[in-house]
C-alpha atoms as a PDB file:
ATOM      1  CA  MET A   1     139.885 -17.884 -23.774  1.00  0.00           C
ATOM      2  CA  ILE A   2     143.275 -17.223 -25.496  1.00  0.00           C
ATOM      3  CA  VAL A   3     142.266 -19.195 -28.630  1.00  0.00           C
ATOM      4  CA  THR A   4     138.831 -17.247 -28.615  1.00  0.00           C
ATOM      5  CA  LEU A   5     140.882 -14.061 -28.939  1.00  0.00           C
ATOM      6  CA  TYR A   6     142.847 -15.220 -32.004  1.00  0.00           C
ATOM      7  CA  ASP A   7     139.290 -15.789 -33.470  1.00  0.00           C
ATOM      8  CA  THR A   8     138.003 -12.402 -33.278  1.00  0.00           C
ATOM      9  CA  PRO A   9     137.162 -10.418 -36.123  1.00  0.00           C
ATOM     10  CA  PRO A  10     140.485  -8.480 -36.356  1.00  0.00           C
ATOM     11  CA  ALA A  11     142.169 -11.746 -36.638  1.00  0.00           C
ATOM     12  CA  LEU A  12     140.181 -13.257 -39.434  1.00  0.00           C
ATOM     13  CA  ARG A  13     143.167 -12.888 -41.940  1.00  0.00           C
ATOM     14  CA  PRO A  14     145.932 -12.968 -39.656  1.00  0.00           C
ATOM     15  CA  ALA A  15     149.606 -13.283 -40.484  1.00  0.00           C
ATOM     16  CA  PRO A  16     151.446 -16.654 -40.353  1.00  0.00           C
ATOM     17  CA  VAL A  17     153.013 -15.942 -37.059  1.00  0.00           C
ATOM     18  CA  VAL A  18     149.536 -15.101 -35.540  1.00  0.00           C
ATOM     19  CA  GLU A  19     148.213 -18.441 -36.958  1.00  0.00           C
ATOM     20  CA  LEU A  20     151.332 -20.414 -35.341  1.00  0.00           C
ATOM     21  CA  ASN A  21     150.498 -18.685 -32.074  1.00  0.00           C
ATOM     22  CA  ARG A  22     147.039 -19.507 -32.290  1.00  0.00           C
ATOM     23  CA  ALA A  23     148.069 -23.075 -33.083  1.00  0.00           C
ATOM     24  CA  ILE A  24     150.168 -23.147 -29.913  1.00  0.00           C
ATOM     25  CA  ALA A  25     147.253 -22.011 -27.958  1.00  0.00           C
ATOM     26  CA  VAL A  26     144.901 -24.620 -29.538  1.00  0.00           C
ATOM     27  CA  SER A  27     147.603 -27.292 -28.547  1.00  0.00           C
ATOM     28  CA  GLN A  28     147.536 -26.206 -25.031  1.00  0.00           C
ATOM     29  CA  ARG A  29     143.875 -26.380 -24.960  1.00  0.00           C
ATOM     30  CA  ASP A  30     143.145 -29.529 -27.228  1.00  0.00           C
ATOM     31  CA  GLY A  31     146.352 -31.323 -27.329  1.00  0.00           C
ATOM     32  CA  ALA A  32     149.503 -31.773 -29.253  1.00  0.00           C
ATOM     33  CA  GLU A  33     148.112 -33.690 -32.150  1.00  0.00           C
ATOM     34  CA  ARG A  34     145.233 -30.867 -32.740  1.00  0.00           C
ATOM     35  CA  GLY A  35     148.047 -28.212 -32.357  1.00  0.00           C
ATOM     36  CA  LEU A  36     150.186 -29.789 -35.175  1.00  0.00           C
ATOM     37  CA  ALA A  37     147.275 -30.017 -37.270  1.00  0.00           C
ATOM     38  CA  GLU A  38     146.589 -26.717 -36.812  1.00  0.00           C
ATOM     39  CA  ILE A  39     150.287 -25.859 -37.695  1.00  0.00           C
ATOM     40  CA  GLU A  40     149.841 -27.827 -40.894  1.00  0.00           C
ATOM     41  CA  ALA A  41     146.733 -25.921 -41.925  1.00  0.00           C
ATOM     42  CA  ILE A  42     148.596 -22.534 -41.954  1.00  0.00           C
ATOM     43  CA  GLU A  43     148.274 -21.416 -45.487  1.00  0.00           C
ATOM     44  CA  ASP A  44     151.431 -19.136 -45.600  1.00  0.00           C
ATOM     45  CA  VAL A  45     153.631 -21.574 -44.064  1.00  0.00           C
ATOM     46  CA  ASP A  46     156.316 -21.031 -46.401  1.00  0.00           C
ATOM     47  CA  ARG A  47     156.647 -17.677 -44.724  1.00  0.00           C
ATOM     48  CA  LEU A  48     157.627 -19.311 -41.644  1.00  0.00           C
ATOM     49  CA  VAL A  49     160.472 -21.541 -43.045  1.00  0.00           C
ATOM     50  CA  GLU A  50     163.051 -19.259 -41.704  1.00  0.00           C
ATOM     51  CA  TYR A  51     161.403 -18.269 -38.481  1.00  0.00           C
ATOM     52  CA  PRO A  52     162.970 -20.381 -35.783  1.00  0.00           C
ATOM     53  CA  PHE A  53     160.077 -20.660 -33.484  1.00  0.00           C
ATOM     54  CA  TYR A  54     158.142 -22.276 -36.059  1.00  0.00           C
ATOM     55  CA  PHE A  55     160.487 -25.274 -35.805  1.00  0.00           C
ATOM     56  CA  ALA A  56     160.673 -24.840 -31.980  1.00  0.00           C
ATOM     57  CA  ALA A  57     156.896 -25.146 -31.646  1.00  0.00           C
ATOM     58  CA  LEU A  58     156.937 -28.238 -34.009  1.00  0.00           C
ATOM     59  CA  GLY A  59     159.636 -29.894 -31.766  1.00  0.00           C
ATOM     60  CA  GLU A  60     157.859 -29.110 -28.523  1.00  0.00           C
ATOM     61  CA  LEU A  61     154.575 -30.781 -29.747  1.00  0.00           C
ATOM     62  CA  GLU A  62     156.577 -33.798 -31.244  1.00  0.00           C
ATOM     63  CA  LEU A  63     157.864 -34.158 -27.845  1.00  0.00           C
ATOM     64  CA  ARG A  64     154.796 -34.196 -26.292  1.00  0.00           C
ATOM     65  CA  LEU A  65     153.602 -36.748 -28.671  1.00  0.00           C
ATOM     66  CA  GLY A  66     156.791 -39.017 -27.406  1.00  0.00           C
ATOM     67  CA  ARG A  67     158.576 -38.669 -30.584  1.00  0.00           C
ATOM     68  CA  GLY A  68     161.920 -37.537 -29.396  1.00  0.00           C
ATOM     69  CA  ASP A  69     163.898 -37.911 -32.694  1.00  0.00           C
ATOM     70  CA  ALA A  70     161.389 -35.859 -34.655  1.00  0.00           C
ATOM     71  CA  ALA A  71     161.636 -32.982 -31.866  1.00  0.00           C
ATOM     72  CA  ARG A  72     165.436 -32.976 -31.814  1.00  0.00           C
ATOM     73  CA  GLU A  73     165.454 -32.510 -35.654  1.00  0.00           C
ATOM     74  CA  HIS A  74     163.137 -29.539 -35.304  1.00  0.00           C
ATOM     75  CA  TYR A  75     165.124 -27.925 -32.429  1.00  0.00           C
ATOM     76  CA  ALA A  76     168.090 -28.220 -34.402  1.00  0.00           C
ATOM     77  CA  SER A  77     166.497 -26.577 -37.570  1.00  0.00           C
ATOM     78  CA  ALA A  78     165.411 -23.706 -35.013  1.00  0.00           C
ATOM     79  CA  GLY A  79     168.958 -23.439 -34.048  1.00  0.00           C
ATOM     80  CA  ALA A  80     170.235 -23.184 -37.736  1.00  0.00           C
ATOM     81  CA  ARG A  81     167.614 -20.242 -38.185  1.00  0.00           C
ATOM     82  CA  ALA A  82     168.348 -18.502 -34.620  1.00  0.00           C
ATOM     83  CA  ARG A  83     168.494 -14.859 -35.012  1.00  0.00           C
ATOM     84  CA  ASN A  84     171.079 -14.419 -32.210  1.00  0.00           C
ATOM     85  CA  ALA A  85     173.276 -16.362 -29.788  1.00  0.00           C
ATOM     86  CA  MET A  86     171.161 -16.550 -26.841  1.00  0.00           C
ATOM     87  CA  GLU A  87     168.223 -18.126 -29.285  1.00  0.00           C
ATOM     88  CA  ARG A  88     170.862 -20.691 -30.575  1.00  0.00           C
ATOM     89  CA  ARG A  89     171.954 -21.707 -27.159  1.00  0.00           C
ATOM     90  CA  PHE A  90     168.367 -22.184 -26.006  1.00  0.00           C
ATOM     91  CA  PHE A  91     167.496 -24.192 -29.048  1.00  0.00           C
ATOM     92  CA  GLU A  92     170.705 -26.270 -28.773  1.00  0.00           C
ATOM     93  CA  ARG A  93     170.078 -26.817 -25.031  1.00  0.00           C
ATOM     94  CA  ARG A  94     166.627 -27.876 -25.439  1.00  0.00           C
ATOM     95  CA  ALA A  95     167.838 -30.676 -28.217  1.00  0.00           C
ATOM     96  CA  LEU A  96     170.244 -31.752 -25.770  1.00  0.00           C
ATOM     97  CA  GLU A  97     167.835 -32.294 -23.030  1.00  0.00           C
ATOM     98  CA  ILE A  98     165.592 -34.212 -25.374  1.00  0.00           C
ATOM     99  CA  ARG A  99     168.443 -36.503 -26.139  1.00  0.00           C
ATOM    100  CA  GLY A 100     168.932 -37.027 -22.598  1.00  0.00           C
ATOM    101  CA  GLN A 101     165.354 -38.214 -22.098  1.00  0.00           C
ATOM    102  CA  ASP A 102     165.687 -40.992 -24.670  1.00  0.00           C
END
């Protein structure tokens, strides 16, 4: 249902953040590999390279695929781009949790 809402006519030319959110919804419906493919298909991905939640999404999907090292790297990238201390702590804590799962 959520993916369908992202695919409605007003969203035909969405901003990269909207496309990222859609990719996350697709990953919930169709799995992490499909979600990563959707993220890779974002045309203006360059506009997301300073957006911490882009890297957090990549990290979470990599984690779901069992790739802890890649997930930690993405969370470290998210932390480096955090917009405030609360976000930074969250990303750092997430990276530590992933390290503890190895």
